[in-house]
C-alpha atoms as a PDB file:
ATOM      1  CA  MET A   1     -31.556 228.363 148.461  1.00  0.00           C
ATOM      2  CA  SER A   2     -30.539 231.241 150.462  1.00  0.00           C
ATOM      3  CA  ASP A   3     -30.253 234.738 149.059  1.00  0.00           C
ATOM      4  CA  TYR A   4     -27.707 237.440 150.731  1.00  0.00           C
ATOM      5  CA  SER A   5     -27.975 240.628 149.551  1.00  0.00           C
ATOM      6  CA  GLY A   6     -24.549 243.524 150.300  1.00  0.00           C
ATOM      7  CA  SER A   7     -23.186 246.545 149.412  1.00  0.00           C
ATOM      8  CA  CYS A   8     -20.312 249.166 150.029  1.00  0.00           C
ATOM      9  CA  LEU A   9     -20.117 251.768 152.380  1.00  0.00           C
ATOM     10  CA  CYS A  10     -20.618 254.613 149.912  1.00  0.00           C
ATOM     11  CA  GLY A  11     -23.476 251.697 148.244  1.00  0.00           C
ATOM     12  CA  THR A  12     -21.684 252.651 144.848  1.00  0.00           C
ATOM     13  CA  VAL A  13     -21.318 248.722 144.706  1.00  0.00           C
ATOM     14  CA  SER A  14     -24.366 246.047 145.445  1.00  0.00           C
ATOM     15  CA  PHE A  15     -24.391 242.259 144.881  1.00  0.00           C
ATOM     16  CA  LEU A  16     -26.320 238.815 145.755  1.00  0.00           C
ATOM     17  CA  VAL A  17     -24.833 235.843 147.153  1.00  0.00           C
ATOM     18  CA  LYS A  18     -27.774 232.974 146.243  1.00  0.00           C
ATOM     19  CA  GLY A  19     -26.709 229.306 147.739  1.00  0.00           C
ATOM     20  CA  GLU A  20     -25.594 228.737 151.508  1.00  0.00           C
ATOM     21  CA  PHE A  21     -22.241 229.416 153.000  1.00  0.00           C
ATOM     22  CA  ASP A  22     -20.071 225.989 153.646  1.00  0.00           C
ATOM     23  CA  SER A  23     -18.400 228.201 157.278  1.00  0.00           C
ATOM     24  CA  PHE A  24     -17.904 231.612 158.527  1.00  0.00           C
ATOM     25  CA  TYR A  25     -14.468 231.767 160.395  1.00  0.00           C
ATOM     26  CA  LEU A  26     -12.895 234.759 162.515  1.00  0.00           C
ATOM     27  CA  CYS A  27      -9.242 234.891 160.972  1.00  0.00           C
ATOM     28  CA  HIS A  28      -6.769 236.071 163.435  1.00  0.00           C
ATOM     29  CA  CYS A  29      -3.786 236.492 161.244  1.00  0.00           C
ATOM     30  CA  GLN A  30      -1.609 239.171 160.933  1.00  0.00           C
ATOM     31  CA  HIS A  31      -2.613 239.828 157.078  1.00  0.00           C
ATOM     32  CA  CYS A  32      -6.194 240.148 158.186  1.00  0.00           C
ATOM     33  CA  GLN A  33      -5.668 242.521 161.049  1.00  0.00           C
ATOM     34  CA  LYS A  34      -3.774 244.335 158.528  1.00  0.00           C
ATOM     35  CA  ASP A  35      -5.967 244.471 156.126  1.00  0.00           C
ATOM     36  CA  THR A  36      -9.269 245.294 158.591  1.00  0.00           C
ATOM     37  CA  GLY A  37      -7.550 247.052 161.003  1.00  0.00           C
ATOM     38  CA  SER A  38      -8.751 245.499 163.898  1.00  0.00           C
ATOM     39  CA  ALA A  39      -8.563 242.167 165.599  1.00  0.00           C
ATOM     40  CA  HIS A  40      -9.638 239.648 163.413  1.00  0.00           C
ATOM     41  CA  ALA A  41     -11.503 239.028 160.172  1.00  0.00           C
ATOM     42  CA  ALA A  42     -15.227 237.406 159.634  1.00  0.00           C
ATOM     43  CA  ASN A  43     -15.342 235.782 156.808  1.00  0.00           C
ATOM     44  CA  LEU A  44     -18.027 233.394 155.439  1.00  0.00           C
ATOM     45  CA  PHE A  45     -16.616 231.067 152.705  1.00  0.00           C
ATOM     46  CA  SER A  46     -19.115 229.394 149.855  1.00  0.00           C
ATOM     47  CA  GLN A  47     -17.956 226.391 147.235  1.00  0.00           C
ATOM     48  CA  SER A  48     -21.323 226.184 145.533  1.00  0.00           C
ATOM     49  CA  ALA A  49     -22.847 229.464 146.774  1.00  0.00           C
ATOM     50  CA  LYS A  50     -23.207 231.967 143.245  1.00  0.00           C
ATOM     51  CA  LEU A  51     -22.334 236.074 143.523  1.00  0.00           C
ATOM     52  CA  THR A  52     -23.627 238.621 140.953  1.00  0.00           C
ATOM     53  CA  TRP A  53     -22.508 241.973 141.043  1.00  0.00           C
ATOM     54  CA  LEU A  54     -25.769 244.235 140.997  1.00  0.00           C
ATOM     55  CA  ALA A  55     -24.279 247.484 140.545  1.00  0.00           C
ATOM     56  CA  GLY A  56     -20.677 248.895 140.704  1.00  0.00           C
ATOM     57  CA  LYS A  57     -18.657 245.941 139.287  1.00  0.00           C
ATOM     58  CA  ASN A  58     -16.529 248.589 137.718  1.00  0.00           C
ATOM     59  CA  ALA A  59     -15.310 250.104 141.569  1.00  0.00           C
ATOM     60  CA  VAL A  60     -14.505 246.759 142.274  1.00  0.00           C
ATOM     61  CA  THR A  61     -10.767 246.187 142.785  1.00  0.00           C
ATOM     62  CA  SER A  62      -8.610 243.420 144.379  1.00  0.00           C
ATOM     63  CA  PHE A  63      -5.053 242.880 145.905  1.00  0.00           C
ATOM     64  CA  THR A  64      -3.280 239.568 146.263  1.00  0.00           C
ATOM     65  CA  LEU A  65      -0.209 239.444 148.487  1.00  0.00           C
ATOM     66  CA  PRO A  66       2.903 238.003 146.326  1.00  0.00           C
ATOM     67  CA  GLY A  67       3.537 235.147 147.746  1.00  0.00           C
ATOM     68  CA  THR A  68       0.269 233.913 149.488  1.00  0.00           C
ATOM     69  CA  ARG A  69      -3.205 232.998 148.717  1.00  0.00           C
ATOM     70  CA  HIS A  70      -4.339 236.334 150.838  1.00  0.00           C
ATOM     71  CA  ASN A  71      -6.642 238.313 149.030  1.00  0.00           C
ATOM     72  CA  LYS A  72      -8.806 241.220 149.307  1.00  0.00           C
ATOM     73  CA  SER A  73     -11.675 242.741 147.366  1.00  0.00           C
ATOM     74  CA  PHE A  74     -12.546 245.886 148.031  1.00  0.00           C
ATOM     75  CA  CYS A  75     -14.886 249.297 146.375  1.00  0.00           C
ATOM     76  CA  LYS A  76     -12.199 251.363 145.397  1.00  0.00           C
ATOM     77  CA  PHE A  77     -14.312 254.956 146.541  1.00  0.00           C
ATOM     78  CA  CYS A  78     -14.930 253.564 150.070  1.00  0.00           C
ATOM     79  CA  GLY A  79     -12.236 251.029 151.309  1.00  0.00           C
ATOM     80  CA  SER A  80     -15.088 248.685 152.023  1.00  0.00           C
ATOM     81  CA  ALA A  81     -14.026 245.162 151.922  1.00  0.00           C
ATOM     82  CA  LEU A  82     -16.002 242.923 149.686  1.00  0.00           C
ATOM     83  CA  PRO A  83     -16.902 239.828 147.882  1.00  0.00           C
ATOM     84  CA  SER A  84     -14.071 238.049 146.613  1.00  0.00           C
ATOM     85  CA  THR A  85     -13.795 235.369 143.948  1.00  0.00           C
ATOM     86  CA  GLN A  86     -10.164 235.102 143.628  1.00  0.00           C
ATOM     87  CA  ILE A  87      -9.147 231.773 144.715  1.00  0.00           C
ATOM     88  CA  GLU A  88     -11.024 229.024 142.138  1.00  0.00           C
ATOM     89  CA  GLY A  89     -13.770 227.982 143.125  1.00  0.00           C
ATOM     90  CA  LEU A  90     -14.152 229.665 146.004  1.00  0.00           C
ATOM     91  CA  LEU A  91     -16.568 232.506 147.408  1.00  0.00           C
ATOM     92  CA  VAL A  92     -15.094 234.717 150.440  1.00  0.00           C
ATOM     93  CA  VAL A  93     -17.633 237.170 151.677  1.00  0.00           C
ATOM     94  CA  PRO A  94     -16.769 240.114 154.591  1.00  0.00           C
ATOM     95  CA  ALA A  95     -19.555 239.029 156.640  1.00  0.00           C
ATOM     96  CA  GLY A  96     -19.677 243.148 157.885  1.00  0.00           C
ATOM     97  CA  CYS A  97     -20.126 243.802 153.850  1.00  0.00           C
ATOM     98  CA  LEU A  98     -23.820 241.542 154.015  1.00  0.00           C
ATOM     99  CA  ASP A  99     -26.903 244.021 154.031  1.00  0.00           C
ATOM    100  CA  THR A 100     -28.909 240.663 155.117  1.00  0.00           C
ATOM    101  CA  GLU A 101     -29.166 239.176 158.286  1.00  0.00           C
ATOM    102  CA  ILE A 102     -26.518 236.307 158.862  1.00  0.00           C
ATOM    103  CA  THR A 103     -28.036 233.311 160.638  1.00  0.00           C
ATOM    104  CA  LEU A 104     -24.740 231.312 161.096  1.00  0.00           C
ATOM    105  CA  GLN A 105     -22.951 231.280 163.747  1.00  0.00           C
ATOM    106  CA  PRO A 106     -18.865 231.812 163.790  1.00  0.00           C
ATOM    107  CA  THR A 107     -17.935 227.856 162.637  1.00  0.00           C
ATOM    108  CA  ALA A 108     -14.208 228.741 164.816  1.00  0.00           C
ATOM    109  CA  HIS A 109     -11.532 231.279 165.280  1.00  0.00           C
ATOM    110  CA  ILE A 110      -9.140 230.247 163.131  1.00  0.00           C
ATOM    111  CA  PHE A 111      -5.101 231.495 163.358  1.00  0.00           C
ATOM    112  CA  LEU A 112      -5.140 232.477 167.646  1.00  0.00           C
ATOM    113  CA  SER A 113      -1.153 232.306 167.629  1.00  0.00           C
ATOM    114  CA  SER A 114      -1.223 235.327 165.367  1.00  0.00           C
ATOM    115  CA  LYS A 115      -3.893 236.973 167.775  1.00  0.00           C
ATOM    116  CA  ALA A 116      -3.536 240.631 169.362  1.00  0.00           C
ATOM    117  CA  SER A 117      -2.152 240.644 172.589  1.00  0.00           C
ATOM    118  CA  TRP A 118      -5.090 243.304 173.631  1.00  0.00           C
ATOM    119  CA  GLN A 119      -7.943 240.871 172.515  1.00  0.00           C
ATOM    120  CA  GLY A 120      -7.989 238.940 175.062  1.00  0.00           C
ATOM    121  CA  LYS A 121      -8.193 241.786 177.896  1.00  0.00           C
ATOM    122  CA  LEU A 122     -11.867 242.717 176.587  1.00  0.00           C
ATOM    123  CA  GLY A 123     -13.859 241.578 178.968  1.00  0.00           C
ATOM    124  CA  ASP A 124     -13.453 244.409 181.376  1.00  0.00           C
ATOM    125  CA  VAL A 125     -14.166 247.040 179.067  1.00  0.00           C
ATOM    126  CA  PRO A 126     -17.039 249.281 179.427  1.00  0.00           C
ATOM    127  CA  GLU A 127     -19.807 249.363 176.211  1.00  0.00           C
ATOM    128  CA  PHE A 128     -21.933 251.536 174.902  1.00  0.00           C
ATOM    129  CA  ASP A 129     -24.689 251.315 172.359  1.00  0.00           C
ATOM    130  CA  GLY A 130     -23.514 254.417 170.513  1.00  0.00           C
ATOM    131  CA  LEU A 131     -20.298 256.235 170.481  1.00  0.00           C
ATOM    132  CA  PRO A 132     -20.106 257.449 174.487  1.00  0.00           C
ATOM    133  CA  ASP A 133     -19.813 260.669 175.883  1.00  0.00           C
END
Protein backbone atom coordinates (compact mmCIF):
# COMPACT_ATOMS: atom_id res chain seq x y z
CA MET A 1 0.00 0.00 0.00
CA SER A 2 1.26 3.47 -0.87
CA ASP A 3 0.89 6.76 0.93
CA TYR A 4 0.60 10.04 -0.93
CA SER A 5 0.63 13.44 0.75
CA GLY A 6 -0.66 16.63 -0.76
CA SER A 7 -1.61 20.21 -0.08
CA CYS A 8 -3.02 23.39 -1.55
CA LEU A 9 -0.98 26.32 -2.82
CA CYS A 10 -1.42 28.50 0.30
CA GLY A 11 -0.73 25.59 2.69
CA THR A 12 -4.05 25.81 4.53
CA VAL A 13 -5.17 22.34 3.39
CA SER A 14 -3.10 19.18 3.67
CA PHE A 15 -4.13 15.56 3.24
CA LEU A 16 -2.97 11.97 3.04
CA VAL A 17 -4.11 9.31 0.58
CA LYS A 18 -3.48 5.69 1.60
CA GLY A 19 -3.78 3.11 -1.13
CA GLU A 20 -3.33 2.67 -4.83
CA PHE A 21 -4.70 4.55 -7.81
CA ASP A 22 -6.62 2.57 -10.44
CA SER A 23 -6.12 5.03 -13.29
CA PHE A 24 -4.57 8.35 -14.24
CA TYR A 25 -6.52 10.20 -16.92
CA LEU A 26 -5.66 13.36 -18.84
CA CYS A 27 -9.11 14.73 -19.58
CA HIS A 28 -9.55 17.15 -22.47
CA CYS A 29 -13.31 17.80 -22.04
CA GLN A 30 -14.48 21.40 -22.07
CA HIS A 31 -15.50 21.21 -18.40
CA CYS A 32 -11.95 20.25 -17.38
CA GLN A 33 -10.51 22.97 -19.62
CA LYS A 34 -12.70 25.54 -17.87
CA ASP A 35 -11.97 24.46 -14.31
CA THR A 36 -8.19 24.10 -14.83
CA GLY A 37 -7.72 27.04 -17.18
CA SER A 38 -5.52 24.75 -19.26
CA ALA A 39 -5.65 22.22 -22.09
CA HIS A 40 -6.61 19.31 -19.83
CA ALA A 41 -7.02 18.08 -16.28
CA ALA A 42 -4.70 15.42 -14.86
CA ASN A 43 -6.63 13.32 -12.33
CA LEU A 44 -5.89 10.09 -10.47
CA PHE A 45 -8.83 7.79 -9.69
CA SER A 46 -9.23 5.15 -6.99
CA GLN A 47 -12.12 3.01 -5.78
CA SER A 48 -10.17 1.71 -2.76
CA ALA A 49 -7.74 4.40 -1.53
CA LYS A 50 -8.66 6.31 1.63
CA LEU A 51 -8.46 10.10 2.01
CA THR A 52 -7.61 11.72 5.35
CA TRP A 53 -7.67 15.49 5.75
CA LEU A 54 -4.69 16.46 7.96
CA ALA A 55 -5.38 20.20 8.10
CA GLY A 56 -7.81 22.72 6.67
CA LYS A 57 -10.79 20.44 6.04
CA ASN A 58 -13.08 23.44 6.67
CA ALA A 59 -11.35 25.30 3.81
CA VAL A 60 -12.32 22.64 1.26
CA THR A 61 -15.36 23.43 -0.84
CA SER A 62 -16.84 21.74 -3.90
CA PHE A 63 -18.75 22.64 -7.03
CA THR A 64 -20.78 20.21 -9.12
CA LEU A 65 -21.87 21.39 -12.54
CA PRO A 66 -25.67 21.09 -12.56
CA GLY A 67 -26.98 18.21 -14.66
CA THR A 68 -23.57 16.49 -14.78
CA ARG A 69 -21.21 14.40 -12.65
CA HIS A 70 -18.47 16.98 -13.23
CA ASN A 71 -17.17 18.05 -9.84
CA LYS A 72 -14.27 20.07 -8.53
CA SER A 73 -13.12 20.38 -4.92
CA PHE A 74 -10.82 23.27 -4.07
CA CYS A 75 -9.36 25.43 -1.30
CA LYS A 76 -11.68 28.37 -0.66
CA PHE A 77 -8.67 30.62 0.06
CA CYS A 78 -6.27 29.97 -2.84
CA GLY A 79 -8.47 28.05 -5.32
CA SER A 80 -6.13 25.06 -5.60
CA ALA A 81 -7.73 21.87 -6.88
CA LEU A 82 -8.06 19.22 -4.15
CA PRO A 83 -9.25 15.61 -3.85
CA SER A 84 -12.94 14.95 -4.34
CA THR A 85 -15.21 12.25 -2.94
CA GLN A 86 -18.39 13.69 -4.42
CA ILE A 87 -19.02 10.60 -6.58
CA GLU A 88 -19.89 7.77 -4.20
CA GLY A 89 -17.22 5.08 -4.06
CA LEU A 90 -14.69 7.09 -6.09
CA LEU A 91 -11.75 9.21 -4.95
CA VAL A 92 -10.54 11.70 -7.59
CA VAL A 93 -7.19 13.36 -6.89
CA PRO A 94 -5.80 16.14 -9.08
CA ALA A 95 -2.22 15.06 -9.79
CA GLY A 96 -0.84 18.56 -9.30
CA CYS A 97 -1.95 18.82 -5.67
CA LEU A 98 0.21 15.87 -4.59
CA ASP A 99 3.49 16.60 -2.82
CA THR A 100 4.57 12.96 -3.15
CA GLU A 101 6.06 11.96 -6.49
CA ILE A 102 3.72 9.96 -8.71
CA THR A 103 5.32 6.96 -10.39
CA LEU A 104 2.15 5.95 -12.26
CA GLN A 105 2.19 7.07 -15.89
CA PRO A 106 -1.04 8.45 -17.39
CA THR A 107 -3.43 5.67 -18.38
CA ALA A 108 -5.01 7.56 -21.28
CA HIS A 109 -6.04 10.86 -22.81
CA ILE A 110 -9.84 11.08 -22.70
CA PHE A 111 -12.41 13.30 -24.43
CA LEU A 112 -9.97 14.16 -27.23
CA SER A 113 -12.94 15.22 -29.36
CA SER A 114 -12.97 18.39 -27.18
CA LYS A 115 -9.20 18.94 -27.33
CA ALA A 116 -8.09 22.59 -27.47
CA SER A 117 -7.29 23.59 -31.05
CA TRP A 118 -3.85 24.92 -30.09
CA GLN A 119 -2.78 21.85 -28.10
CA GLY A 120 -1.54 19.77 -31.04
CA LYS A 121 0.75 22.57 -32.24
CA LEU A 122 3.16 22.59 -29.28
CA GLY A 123 6.02 20.56 -30.80
CA ASP A 124 7.96 23.61 -32.04
CA VAL A 125 7.27 25.91 -29.08
CA PRO A 126 10.50 26.95 -27.29
CA GLU A 127 11.12 25.36 -23.87
CA PHE A 128 12.71 26.95 -20.79
CA ASP A 129 13.66 25.53 -17.36
CA GLY A 130 12.27 28.68 -15.72
CA LEU A 131 10.69 31.99 -16.67
CA PRO A 132 12.31 33.31 -19.87
CA ASP A 133 14.16 36.63 -19.78
